[in-house]
Amino acid sequence: MEHFLIVLKSLGLINWFYSFMTRSLSTLRGITCNSLIFRSLWHHL
């Protein structure tokens, strides 16, 4: 029974880590897109 709880806990950690990674990746992607748009606008000025 304890082993099952340990497996559940590690799965939860993996799930949390995965969601954290995807969130930071999307944030990074948004930042890069915004900086690219800003740079192109800056060049047009």
C-alpha atoms as a PDB file:
ATOM      1  CA  MET A   1       0.000   0.000   0.000  1.00  0.00           C
ATOM      2  CA  GLU A   2       2.824   2.410   0.853  1.00  0.00           C
ATOM      3  CA  HIS A   3       4.487   1.627  -2.455  1.00  0.00           C
ATOM      4  CA  PHE A   4       1.268   2.594  -4.252  1.00  0.00           C
ATOM      5  CA  LEU A   5       1.214   5.922  -2.419  1.00  0.00           C
ATOM      6  CA  ILE A   6       4.836   6.576  -3.410  1.00  0.00           C
ATOM      7  CA  VAL A   7       3.991   5.882  -7.054  1.00  0.00           C
ATOM      8  CA  LEU A   8       1.011   8.232  -6.863  1.00  0.00           C
ATOM      9  CA  LYS A   9       3.187  10.924  -5.299  1.00  0.00           C
ATOM     10  CA  SER A  10       5.869  10.617  -7.976  1.00  0.00           C
ATOM     11  CA  LEU A  11       3.205  10.719 -10.713  1.00  0.00           C
ATOM     12  CA  GLY A  12       1.829  13.896  -9.170  1.00  0.00           C
ATOM     13  CA  LEU A  13       5.308  15.410  -9.159  1.00  0.00           C
ATOM     14  CA  ILE A  14       5.834  14.459 -12.804  1.00  0.00           C
ATOM     15  CA  ASN A  15       2.447  15.938 -13.705  1.00  0.00           C
ATOM     16  CA  TRP A  16       3.224  19.166 -11.812  1.00  0.00           C
ATOM     17  CA  PHE A  17       6.665  19.411 -13.439  1.00  0.00           C
ATOM     18  CA  TYR A  18       5.163  18.841 -16.884  1.00  0.00           C
ATOM     19  CA  SER A  19       2.516  21.533 -16.422  1.00  0.00           C
ATOM     20  CA  PHE A  20       5.166  23.906 -15.056  1.00  0.00           C
ATOM     21  CA  MET A  21       7.423  23.267 -18.069  1.00  0.00           C
ATOM     22  CA  THR A  22       4.621  23.789 -20.590  1.00  0.00           C
ATOM     23  CA  ARG A  23       3.566  26.996 -18.824  1.00  0.00           C
ATOM     24  CA  SER A  24       7.092  28.424 -18.849  1.00  0.00           C
ATOM     25  CA  LEU A  25       7.555  27.357 -22.484  1.00  0.00           C
ATOM     26  CA  SER A  26       4.381  29.149 -23.540  1.00  0.00           C
ATOM     27  CA  THR A  27       5.462  32.204 -21.530  1.00  0.00           C
ATOM     28  CA  LEU A  28       8.855  32.164 -23.267  1.00  0.00           C
ATOM     29  CA  ARG A  29       7.159  31.802 -26.640  1.00  0.00           C
ATOM     30  CA  GLY A  30       4.909  34.766 -25.875  1.00  0.00           C
ATOM     31  CA  ILE A  31       7.888  36.874 -24.831  1.00  0.00           C
ATOM     32  CA  THR A  32       9.789  36.016 -28.028  1.00  0.00           C
ATOM     33  CA  CYS A  33       6.779  36.773 -30.207  1.00  0.00           C
ATOM     34  CA  ASN A  34       6.236  40.107 -28.457  1.00  0.00           C
ATOM     35  CA  SER A  35       9.910  41.086 -28.765  1.00  0.00           C
ATOM     36  CA  LEU A  36       9.920  40.162 -32.465  1.00  0.00           C
ATOM     37  CA  ILE A  37       6.788  42.258 -33.086  1.00  0.00           C
ATOM     38  CA  PHE A  38       8.267  45.114 -31.073  1.00  0.00           C
ATOM     39  CA  ARG A  39      11.529  44.934 -33.035  1.00  0.00           C
ATOM     40  CA  SER A  40       9.760  45.022 -36.408  1.00  0.00           C
ATOM     41  CA  LEU A  41       7.611  47.953 -35.266  1.00  0.00           C
ATOM     42  CA  TRP A  42      10.739  49.725 -34.010  1.00  0.00           C
ATOM     43  CA  HIS A  43      12.401  49.301 -37.421  1.00  0.00           C
ATOM     44  CA  HIS A  44       9.345  50.765 -39.149  1.00  0.00           C
ATOM     45  CA  LEU A  45       9.597  53.865 -36.959  1.00  0.00           C
END
